[in-house]
mmCIF file of all heavy atoms, coordinates in Angstrom:
data_MODEL
# 
_entry.id   MODEL 
# 
loop_
_atom_site.group_PDB 
_atom_site.id 
_atom_site.type_symbol 
_atom_site.label_atom_id 
_atom_site.label_alt_id 
_atom_site.label_comp_id 
_atom_site.label_asym_id 
_atom_site.label_entity_id 
_atom_site.label_seq_id 
_atom_site.pdbx_PDB_ins_code 
_atom_site.Cartn_x 
_atom_site.Cartn_y 
_atom_site.Cartn_z 
_atom_site.occupancy 
_atom_site.B_iso_or_equiv 
_atom_site.pdbx_formal_charge 
_atom_site.auth_seq_id 
_atom_site.auth_comp_id 
_atom_site.auth_asym_id 
_atom_site.auth_atom_id 
_atom_site.pdbx_PDB_model_num 
ATOM 1   N N   . THR A 1 1  ? -32.277 -149.838 180.407 1.00 0.00 ? 1  THR A N   1 
ATOM 2   C CA  . THR A 1 1  ? -31.026 -149.374 181.001 1.00 0.00 ? 1  THR A CA  1 
ATOM 3   C C   . THR A 1 1  ? -29.828 -149.795 180.156 1.00 0.00 ? 1  THR A C   1 
ATOM 4   O O   . THR A 1 1  ? -28.803 -149.103 180.135 1.00 0.00 ? 1  THR A O   1 
ATOM 5   C CB  . THR A 1 1  ? -30.885 -149.945 182.421 1.00 0.00 ? 1  THR A CB  1 
ATOM 6   O OG1 . THR A 1 1  ? -31.304 -151.319 182.412 1.00 0.00 ? 1  THR A OG1 1 
ATOM 7   C CG2 . THR A 1 1  ? -31.764 -149.174 183.397 1.00 0.00 ? 1  THR A CG2 1 
ATOM 8   N N   . ARG A 1 2  ? -29.929 -150.916 179.467 1.00 0.00 ? 2  ARG A N   1 
ATOM 9   C CA  . ARG A 1 2  ? -28.828 -151.387 178.624 1.00 0.00 ? 2  ARG A CA  1 
ATOM 10  C C   . ARG A 1 2  ? -28.673 -150.522 177.369 1.00 0.00 ? 2  ARG A C   1 
ATOM 11  O O   . ARG A 1 2  ? -27.552 -150.242 176.929 1.00 0.00 ? 2  ARG A O   1 
ATOM 12  C CB  . ARG A 1 2  ? -29.034 -152.851 178.229 1.00 0.00 ? 2  ARG A CB  1 
ATOM 13  C CG  . ARG A 1 2  ? -29.132 -153.807 179.413 1.00 0.00 ? 2  ARG A CG  1 
ATOM 14  C CD  . ARG A 1 2  ? -29.057 -155.260 178.950 1.00 0.00 ? 2  ARG A CD  1 
ATOM 15  N NE  . ARG A 1 2  ? -29.449 -156.184 180.008 1.00 0.00 ? 2  ARG A NE  1 
ATOM 16  C CZ  . ARG A 1 2  ? -28.650 -156.609 180.979 1.00 0.00 ? 2  ARG A CZ  1 
ATOM 17  N NH1 . ARG A 1 2  ? -27.415 -156.178 181.044 1.00 0.00 ? 2  ARG A NH1 1 
ATOM 18  N NH2 . ARG A 1 2  ? -29.094 -157.476 181.892 1.00 0.00 ? 2  ARG A NH2 1 
ATOM 19  N N   . SER A 1 3  ? -29.794 -150.106 176.779 1.00 0.00 ? 3  SER A N   1 
ATOM 20  C CA  . SER A 1 3  ? -29.734 -149.330 175.532 1.00 0.00 ? 3  SER A CA  1 
ATOM 21  C C   . SER A 1 3  ? -29.627 -147.835 175.772 1.00 0.00 ? 3  SER A C   1 
ATOM 22  O O   . SER A 1 3  ? -29.408 -147.070 174.822 1.00 0.00 ? 3  SER A O   1 
ATOM 23  C CB  . SER A 1 3  ? -30.968 -149.630 174.673 1.00 0.00 ? 3  SER A CB  1 
ATOM 24  O OG  . SER A 1 3  ? -32.166 -149.298 175.368 1.00 0.00 ? 3  SER A OG  1 
ATOM 25  N N   . GLY A 1 4  ? -29.800 -147.404 177.011 1.00 0.00 ? 4  GLY A N   1 
ATOM 26  C CA  . GLY A 1 4  ? -29.649 -145.981 177.318 1.00 0.00 ? 4  GLY A CA  1 
ATOM 27  C C   . GLY A 1 4  ? -30.892 -145.151 177.119 1.00 0.00 ? 4  GLY A C   1 
ATOM 28  O O   . GLY A 1 4  ? -30.817 -143.917 177.117 1.00 0.00 ? 4  GLY A O   1 
ATOM 29  N N   . ILE A 1 5  ? -32.059 -145.785 176.962 1.00 0.00 ? 5  ILE A N   1 
ATOM 30  C CA  . ILE A 1 5  ? -33.296 -145.012 176.769 1.00 0.00 ? 5  ILE A CA  1 
ATOM 31  C C   . ILE A 1 5  ? -33.884 -144.708 178.152 1.00 0.00 ? 5  ILE A C   1 
ATOM 32  O O   . ILE A 1 5  ? -34.828 -145.342 178.624 1.00 0.00 ? 5  ILE A O   1 
ATOM 33  C CB  . ILE A 1 5  ? -34.293 -145.756 175.857 1.00 0.00 ? 5  ILE A CB  1 
ATOM 34  C CG1 . ILE A 1 5  ? -33.626 -146.102 174.530 1.00 0.00 ? 5  ILE A CG1 1 
ATOM 35  C CG2 . ILE A 1 5  ? -35.531 -144.890 175.606 1.00 0.00 ? 5  ILE A CG2 1 
ATOM 36  C CD1 . ILE A 1 5  ? -33.116 -144.899 173.742 1.00 0.00 ? 5  ILE A CD1 1 
ATOM 37  N N   . TYR A 1 6  ? -33.270 -143.744 178.789 1.00 0.00 ? 6  TYR A N   1 
ATOM 38  C CA  . TYR A 1 6  ? -33.646 -143.268 180.128 1.00 0.00 ? 6  TYR A CA  1 
ATOM 39  C C   . TYR A 1 6  ? -32.885 -141.975 180.356 1.00 0.00 ? 6  TYR A C   1 
ATOM 40  O O   . TYR A 1 6  ? -31.907 -141.704 179.645 1.00 0.00 ? 6  TYR A O   1 
ATOM 41  C CB  . TYR A 1 6  ? -33.283 -144.306 181.201 1.00 0.00 ? 6  TYR A CB  1 
ATOM 42  C CG  . TYR A 1 6  ? -31.786 -144.489 181.383 1.00 0.00 ? 6  TYR A CG  1 
ATOM 43  C CD1 . TYR A 1 6  ? -31.051 -143.673 182.270 1.00 0.00 ? 6  TYR A CD1 1 
ATOM 44  C CD2 . TYR A 1 6  ? -31.065 -145.420 180.631 1.00 0.00 ? 6  TYR A CD2 1 
ATOM 45  C CE1 . TYR A 1 6  ? -29.673 -143.800 182.407 1.00 0.00 ? 6  TYR A CE1 1 
ATOM 46  C CE2 . TYR A 1 6  ? -29.692 -145.540 180.770 1.00 0.00 ? 6  TYR A CE2 1 
ATOM 47  C CZ  . TYR A 1 6  ? -29.012 -144.732 181.654 1.00 0.00 ? 6  TYR A CZ  1 
ATOM 48  O OH  . TYR A 1 6  ? -27.646 -144.856 181.783 1.00 0.00 ? 6  TYR A OH  1 
ATOM 49  N N   . PRO A 1 7  ? -33.225 -141.130 181.304 1.00 0.00 ? 7  PRO A N   1 
ATOM 50  C CA  . PRO A 1 7  ? -34.470 -141.137 182.086 1.00 0.00 ? 7  PRO A CA  1 
ATOM 51  C C   . PRO A 1 7  ? -35.598 -140.483 181.291 1.00 0.00 ? 7  PRO A C   1 
ATOM 52  O O   . PRO A 1 7  ? -35.363 -139.645 180.423 1.00 0.00 ? 7  PRO A O   1 
ATOM 53  C CB  . PRO A 1 7  ? -34.088 -140.291 183.302 1.00 0.00 ? 7  PRO A CB  1 
ATOM 54  C CG  . PRO A 1 7  ? -33.116 -139.289 182.754 1.00 0.00 ? 7  PRO A CG  1 
ATOM 55  C CD  . PRO A 1 7  ? -32.325 -140.022 181.701 1.00 0.00 ? 7  PRO A CD  1 
ATOM 56  N N   . GLY A 1 8  ? -36.823 -140.847 181.573 1.00 0.00 ? 8  GLY A N   1 
ATOM 57  C CA  . GLY A 1 8  ? -37.960 -140.235 180.908 1.00 0.00 ? 8  GLY A CA  1 
ATOM 58  C C   . GLY A 1 8  ? -38.079 -140.655 179.453 1.00 0.00 ? 8  GLY A C   1 
ATOM 59  O O   . GLY A 1 8  ? -37.784 -141.799 179.092 1.00 0.00 ? 8  GLY A O   1 
ATOM 60  N N   . VAL A 1 9  ? -38.492 -139.705 178.612 1.00 0.00 ? 9  VAL A N   1 
ATOM 61  C CA  . VAL A 1 9  ? -38.801 -140.010 177.216 1.00 0.00 ? 9  VAL A CA  1 
ATOM 62  C C   . VAL A 1 9  ? -38.050 -139.073 176.279 1.00 0.00 ? 9  VAL A C   1 
ATOM 63  O O   . VAL A 1 9  ? -37.508 -138.047 176.681 1.00 0.00 ? 9  VAL A O   1 
ATOM 64  C CB  . VAL A 1 9  ? -40.318 -139.905 176.950 1.00 0.00 ? 9  VAL A CB  1 
ATOM 65  C CG1 . VAL A 1 9  ? -41.087 -140.848 177.852 1.00 0.00 ? 9  VAL A CG1 1 
ATOM 66  C CG2 . VAL A 1 9  ? -40.819 -138.469 177.121 1.00 0.00 ? 9  VAL A CG2 1 
ATOM 67  N N   . LEU A 1 10 ? -38.052 -139.448 175.003 1.00 0.00 ? 10 LEU A N   1 
ATOM 68  C CA  . LEU A 1 10 ? -37.426 -138.644 173.953 1.00 0.00 ? 10 LEU A CA  1 
ATOM 69  C C   . LEU A 1 10 ? -38.391 -137.568 173.451 1.00 0.00 ? 10 LEU A C   1 
ATOM 70  O O   . LEU A 1 10 ? -39.614 -137.746 173.484 1.00 0.00 ? 10 LEU A O   1 
ATOM 71  C CB  . LEU A 1 10 ? -36.984 -139.535 172.802 1.00 0.00 ? 10 LEU A CB  1 
ATOM 72  C CG  . LEU A 1 10 ? -35.823 -140.491 173.164 1.00 0.00 ? 10 LEU A CG  1 
ATOM 73  C CD1 . LEU A 1 10 ? -35.827 -141.710 172.254 1.00 0.00 ? 10 LEU A CD1 1 
ATOM 74  C CD2 . LEU A 1 10 ? -34.486 -139.767 173.087 1.00 0.00 ? 10 LEU A CD2 1 
ATOM 75  N N   . TYR A 1 11 ? -37.824 -136.473 172.944 1.00 0.00 ? 11 TYR A N   1 
ATOM 76  C CA  . TYR A 1 11 ? -38.611 -135.338 172.467 1.00 0.00 ? 11 TYR A CA  1 
ATOM 77  C C   . TYR A 1 11 ? -38.295 -135.045 171.000 1.00 0.00 ? 11 TYR A C   1 
ATOM 78  O O   . TYR A 1 11 ? -37.329 -135.594 170.443 1.00 0.00 ? 11 TYR A O   1 
ATOM 79  C CB  . TYR A 1 11 ? -38.344 -134.116 173.352 1.00 0.00 ? 11 TYR A CB  1 
ATOM 80  C CG  . TYR A 1 11 ? -38.981 -134.260 174.714 1.00 0.00 ? 11 TYR A CG  1 
ATOM 81  C CD1 . TYR A 1 11 ? -38.318 -134.899 175.758 1.00 0.00 ? 11 TYR A CD1 1 
ATOM 82  C CD2 . TYR A 1 11 ? -40.292 -133.818 174.942 1.00 0.00 ? 11 TYR A CD2 1 
ATOM 83  C CE1 . TYR A 1 11 ? -38.913 -135.068 176.998 1.00 0.00 ? 11 TYR A CE1 1 
ATOM 84  C CE2 . TYR A 1 11 ? -40.900 -133.979 176.177 1.00 0.00 ? 11 TYR A CE2 1 
ATOM 85  C CZ  . TYR A 1 11 ? -40.208 -134.599 177.197 1.00 0.00 ? 11 TYR A CZ  1 
ATOM 86  O OH  . TYR A 1 11 ? -40.811 -134.783 178.418 1.00 0.00 ? 11 TYR A OH  1 
ATOM 87  N N   . PRO A 1 12 ? -39.088 -134.188 170.345 1.00 0.00 ? 12 PRO A N   1 
ATOM 88  C CA  . PRO A 1 12 ? -38.861 -133.914 168.919 1.00 0.00 ? 12 PRO A CA  1 
ATOM 89  C C   . PRO A 1 12 ? -37.435 -133.489 168.585 1.00 0.00 ? 12 PRO A C   1 
ATOM 90  O O   . PRO A 1 12 ? -36.898 -133.870 167.550 1.00 0.00 ? 12 PRO A O   1 
ATOM 91  C CB  . PRO A 1 12 ? -39.863 -132.797 168.617 1.00 0.00 ? 12 PRO A CB  1 
ATOM 92  C CG  . PRO A 1 12 ? -40.981 -133.030 169.580 1.00 0.00 ? 12 PRO A CG  1 
ATOM 93  C CD  . PRO A 1 12 ? -40.326 -133.533 170.829 1.00 0.00 ? 12 PRO A CD  1 
ATOM 94  N N   . GLY A 1 13 ? -36.802 -132.714 169.462 1.00 0.00 ? 13 GLY A N   1 
ATOM 95  C CA  . GLY A 1 13 ? -35.452 -132.245 169.198 1.00 0.00 ? 13 GLY A CA  1 
ATOM 96  C C   . GLY A 1 13 ? -34.364 -133.028 169.906 1.00 0.00 ? 13 GLY A C   1 
ATOM 97  O O   . GLY A 1 13 ? -33.209 -132.585 169.943 1.00 0.00 ? 13 GLY A O   1 
ATOM 98  N N   . SER A 1 14 ? -34.698 -134.187 170.462 1.00 0.00 ? 14 SER A N   1 
ATOM 99  C CA  . SER A 1 14 ? -33.694 -134.973 171.183 1.00 0.00 ? 14 SER A CA  1 
ATOM 100 C C   . SER A 1 14 ? -32.511 -135.319 170.294 1.00 0.00 ? 14 SER A C   1 
ATOM 101 O O   . SER A 1 14 ? -32.672 -135.719 169.135 1.00 0.00 ? 14 SER A O   1 
ATOM 102 C CB  . SER A 1 14 ? -34.312 -136.265 171.731 1.00 0.00 ? 14 SER A CB  1 
ATOM 103 O OG  . SER A 1 14 ? -35.183 -135.994 172.811 1.00 0.00 ? 14 SER A OG  1 
ATOM 104 N N   . ILE A 1 15 ? -31.320 -135.184 170.840 1.00 0.00 ? 15 ILE A N   1 
ATOM 105 C CA  . ILE A 1 15 ? -30.103 -135.500 170.093 1.00 0.00 ? 15 ILE A CA  1 
ATOM 106 C C   . ILE A 1 15 ? -29.910 -137.005 169.998 1.00 0.00 ? 15 ILE A C   1 
ATOM 107 O O   . ILE A 1 15 ? -29.438 -137.528 168.980 1.00 0.00 ? 15 ILE A O   1 
ATOM 108 C CB  . ILE A 1 15 ? -28.893 -134.826 170.781 1.00 0.00 ? 15 ILE A CB  1 
ATOM 109 C CG1 . ILE A 1 15 ? -29.035 -133.302 170.706 1.00 0.00 ? 15 ILE A CG1 1 
ATOM 110 C CG2 . ILE A 1 15 ? -27.582 -135.283 170.159 1.00 0.00 ? 15 ILE A CG2 1 
ATOM 111 C CD1 . ILE A 1 15 ? -28.066 -132.540 171.580 1.00 0.00 ? 15 ILE A CD1 1 
ATOM 112 N N   . GLY A 1 16 ? -30.288 -137.726 171.050 1.00 0.00 ? 16 GLY A N   1 
ATOM 113 C CA  . GLY A 1 16 ? -30.122 -139.170 171.077 1.00 0.00 ? 16 GLY A CA  1 
ATOM 114 C C   . GLY A 1 16 ? -31.335 -139.923 170.568 1.00 0.00 ? 16 GLY A C   1 
ATOM 115 O O   . GLY A 1 16 ? -32.351 -139.347 170.155 1.00 0.00 ? 16 GLY A O   1 
ATOM 116 N N   . GLY A 1 17 ? -31.231 -141.241 170.605 1.00 0.00 ? 17 GLY A N   1 
ATOM 117 C CA  . GLY A 1 17 ? -32.307 -142.128 170.180 1.00 0.00 ? 17 GLY A CA  1 
ATOM 118 C C   . GLY A 1 17 ? -31.876 -143.564 170.413 1.00 0.00 ? 17 GLY A C   1 
ATOM 119 O O   . GLY A 1 17 ? -30.806 -143.828 170.979 1.00 0.00 ? 17 GLY A O   1 
ATOM 120 N N   . LEU A 1 18 ? -32.692 -144.512 169.990 1.00 0.00 ? 18 LEU A N   1 
ATOM 121 C CA  . LEU A 1 18 ? -32.319 -145.916 170.139 1.00 0.00 ? 18 LEU A CA  1 
ATOM 122 C C   . LEU A 1 18 ? -31.031 -146.159 169.359 1.00 0.00 ? 18 LEU A C   1 
ATOM 123 O O   . LEU A 1 18 ? -31.005 -145.998 168.134 1.00 0.00 ? 18 LEU A O   1 
ATOM 124 C CB  . LEU A 1 18 ? -33.432 -146.832 169.615 1.00 0.00 ? 18 LEU A CB  1 
ATOM 125 C CG  . LEU A 1 18 ? -33.167 -148.328 169.773 1.00 0.00 ? 18 LEU A CG  1 
ATOM 126 C CD1 . LEU A 1 18 ? -33.156 -148.724 171.250 1.00 0.00 ? 18 LEU A CD1 1 
ATOM 127 C CD2 . LEU A 1 18 ? -34.213 -149.150 169.019 1.00 0.00 ? 18 LEU A CD2 1 
ATOM 128 N N   . PRO A 1 19 ? -29.940 -146.521 170.049 1.00 0.00 ? 19 PRO A N   1 
ATOM 129 C CA  . PRO A 1 19 ? -28.655 -146.680 169.348 1.00 0.00 ? 19 PRO A CA  1 
ATOM 130 C C   . PRO A 1 19 ? -28.765 -147.636 168.166 1.00 0.00 ? 19 PRO A C   1 
ATOM 131 O O   . PRO A 1 19 ? -29.430 -148.678 168.248 1.00 0.00 ? 19 PRO A O   1 
ATOM 132 C CB  . PRO A 1 19 ? -27.739 -147.239 170.443 1.00 0.00 ? 19 PRO A CB  1 
ATOM 133 C CG  . PRO A 1 19 ? -28.322 -146.734 171.726 1.00 0.00 ? 19 PRO A CG  1 
ATOM 134 C CD  . PRO A 1 19 ? -29.816 -146.758 171.503 1.00 0.00 ? 19 PRO A CD  1 
ATOM 135 N N   . LEU A 1 20 ? -28.106 -147.272 167.084 1.00 0.00 ? 20 LEU A N   1 
ATOM 136 C CA  . LEU A 1 20 ? -28.218 -148.069 165.860 1.00 0.00 ? 20 LEU A CA  1 
ATOM 137 C C   . LEU A 1 20 ? -27.527 -149.419 165.985 1.00 0.00 ? 20 LEU A C   1 
ATOM 138 O O   . LEU A 1 20 ? -27.769 -150.306 165.157 1.00 0.00 ? 20 LEU A O   1 
ATOM 139 C CB  . LEU A 1 20 ? -27.645 -147.284 164.679 1.00 0.00 ? 20 LEU A CB  1 
ATOM 140 C CG  . LEU A 1 20 ? -28.350 -145.948 164.380 1.00 0.00 ? 20 LEU A CG  1 
ATOM 141 C CD1 . LEU A 1 20 ? -27.743 -145.277 163.160 1.00 0.00 ? 20 LEU A CD1 1 
ATOM 142 C CD2 . LEU A 1 20 ? -29.856 -146.137 164.202 1.00 0.00 ? 20 LEU A CD2 1 
ATOM 143 N N   . ASN A 1 21 ? -26.706 -149.604 167.008 1.00 0.00 ? 21 ASN A N   1 
ATOM 144 C CA  . ASN A 1 21 ? -26.100 -150.914 167.206 1.00 0.00 ? 21 ASN A CA  1 
ATOM 145 C C   . ASN A 1 21 ? -26.974 -151.854 168.023 1.00 0.00 ? 21 ASN A C   1 
ATOM 146 O O   . ASN A 1 21 ? -26.623 -153.015 168.228 1.00 0.00 ? 21 ASN A O   1 
ATOM 147 C CB  . ASN A 1 21 ? -24.711 -150.798 167.846 1.00 0.00 ? 21 ASN A CB  1 
ATOM 148 C CG  . ASN A 1 21 ? -24.742 -150.161 169.223 1.00 0.00 ? 21 ASN A CG  1 
ATOM 149 O OD1 . ASN A 1 21 ? -25.794 -149.728 169.691 1.00 0.00 ? 21 ASN A OD1 1 
ATOM 150 N ND2 . ASN A 1 21 ? -23.594 -150.091 169.876 1.00 0.00 ? 21 ASN A ND2 1 
ATOM 151 N N   . GLU A 1 22 ? -28.119 -151.353 168.498 1.00 0.00 ? 22 GLU A N   1 
ATOM 152 C CA  . GLU A 1 22 ? -29.110 -152.239 169.110 1.00 0.00 ? 22 GLU A CA  1 
ATOM 153 C C   . GLU A 1 22 ? -29.836 -153.005 168.003 1.00 0.00 ? 22 GLU A C   1 
ATOM 154 O O   . GLU A 1 22 ? -30.093 -152.462 166.920 1.00 0.00 ? 22 GLU A O   1 
ATOM 155 C CB  . GLU A 1 22 ? -30.114 -151.450 169.937 1.00 0.00 ? 22 GLU A CB  1 
ATOM 156 C CG  . GLU A 1 22 ? -29.539 -150.858 171.216 1.00 0.00 ? 22 GLU A CG  1 
ATOM 157 C CD  . GLU A 1 22 ? -29.272 -151.902 172.287 1.00 0.00 ? 22 GLU A CD  1 
ATOM 158 O OE1 . GLU A 1 22 ? -29.934 -152.952 172.291 1.00 0.00 ? 22 GLU A OE1 1 
ATOM 159 O OE2 . GLU A 1 22 ? -28.389 -151.656 173.130 1.00 0.00 ? 22 GLU A OE2 1 
ATOM 160 N N   . THR A 1 23 ? -30.185 -154.248 168.258 1.00 0.00 ? 23 THR A N   1 
ATOM 161 C CA  . THR A 1 23 ? -30.845 -155.089 167.257 1.00 0.00 ? 23 THR A CA  1 
ATOM 162 C C   . THR A 1 23 ? -32.329 -155.185 167.564 1.00 0.00 ? 23 THR A C   1 
ATOM 163 O O   . THR A 1 23 ? -32.722 -155.663 168.632 1.00 0.00 ? 23 THR A O   1 
ATOM 164 C CB  . THR A 1 23 ? -30.228 -156.497 167.234 1.00 0.00 ? 23 THR A CB  1 
ATOM 165 O OG1 . THR A 1 23 ? -28.823 -156.396 167.010 1.00 0.00 ? 23 THR A OG1 1 
ATOM 166 C CG2 . THR A 1 23 ? -30.857 -157.341 166.129 1.00 0.00 ? 23 THR A CG2 1 
ATOM 167 N N   . THR A 1 24 ? -33.158 -154.735 166.629 1.00 0.00 ? 24 THR A N   1 
ATOM 168 C CA  . THR A 1 24 ? -34.608 -154.769 166.807 1.00 0.00 ? 24 THR A CA  1 
ATOM 169 C C   . THR A 1 24 ? -35.198 -156.077 166.288 1.00 0.00 ? 24 THR A C   1 
ATOM 170 O O   . THR A 1 24 ? -34.528 -156.842 165.575 1.00 0.00 ? 24 THR A O   1 
ATOM 171 C CB  . THR A 1 24 ? -35.279 -153.603 166.072 1.00 0.00 ? 24 THR A CB  1 
ATOM 172 O OG1 . THR A 1 24 ? -35.115 -153.798 164.650 1.00 0.00 ? 24 THR A OG1 1 
ATOM 173 C CG2 . THR A 1 24 ? -34.672 -152.264 166.483 1.00 0.00 ? 24 THR A CG2 1 
ATOM 174 N N   . ILE A 1 25 ? -36.461 -156.311 166.610 1.00 0.00 ? 25 ILE A N   1 
ATOM 175 C CA  . ILE A 1 25 ? -37.168 -157.484 166.079 1.00 0.00 ? 25 ILE A CA  1 
ATOM 176 C C   . ILE A 1 25 ? -37.099 -157.493 164.559 1.00 0.00 ? 25 ILE A C   1 
ATOM 177 O O   . ILE A 1 25 ? -36.870 -158.536 163.940 1.00 0.00 ? 25 ILE A O   1 
ATOM 178 C CB  . ILE A 1 25 ? -38.639 -157.483 166.546 1.00 0.00 ? 25 ILE A CB  1 
ATOM 179 C CG1 . ILE A 1 25 ? -38.741 -157.613 168.060 1.00 0.00 ? 25 ILE A CG1 1 
ATOM 180 C CG2 . ILE A 1 25 ? -39.411 -158.617 165.867 1.00 0.00 ? 25 ILE A CG2 1 
ATOM 181 C CD1 . ILE A 1 25 ? -40.152 -157.440 168.613 1.00 0.00 ? 25 ILE A CD1 1 
ATOM 182 N N   . ALA A 1 26 ? -37.287 -156.326 163.942 1.00 0.00 ? 26 ALA A N   1 
ATOM 183 C CA  . ALA A 1 26 ? -37.240 -156.245 162.475 1.00 0.00 ? 26 ALA A CA  1 
ATOM 184 C C   . ALA A 1 26 ? -35.888 -156.699 161.945 1.00 0.00 ? 26 ALA A C   1 
ATOM 185 O O   . ALA A 1 26 ? -35.801 -157.409 160.923 1.00 0.00 ? 26 ALA A O   1 
ATOM 186 C CB  . ALA A 1 26 ? -37.547 -154.818 162.020 1.00 0.00 ? 26 ALA A CB  1 
ATOM 187 N N   . GLU A 1 27 ? -34.814 -156.301 162.636 1.00 0.00 ? 27 GLU A N   1 
ATOM 188 C CA  . GLU A 1 27 ? -33.470 -156.685 162.183 1.00 0.00 ? 27 GLU A CA  1 
ATOM 189 C C   . GLU A 1 27 ? -33.181 -158.161 162.428 1.00 0.00 ? 27 GLU A C   1 
ATOM 190 O O   . GLU A 1 27 ? -32.369 -158.765 161.716 1.00 0.00 ? 27 GLU A O   1 
ATOM 191 C CB  . GLU A 1 27 ? -32.440 -155.795 162.877 1.00 0.00 ? 27 GLU A CB  1 
ATOM 192 C CG  . GLU A 1 27 ? -32.476 -154.357 162.367 1.00 0.00 ? 27 GLU A CG  1 
ATOM 193 C CD  . GLU A 1 27 ? -31.669 -153.398 163.214 1.00 0.00 ? 27 GLU A CD  1 
ATOM 194 O OE1 . GLU A 1 27 ? -31.763 -153.473 164.461 1.00 0.00 ? 27 GLU A OE1 1 
ATOM 195 O OE2 . GLU A 1 27 ? -30.954 -152.558 162.628 1.00 0.00 ? 27 GLU A OE2 1 
# 
């Protein structure tokens, strides 16, 4: 809910995605 990955799931043509200002384990 904090990163906005809702409702449901992303699709091949989805405009959005995991925001680049979110920090991943890799980062």
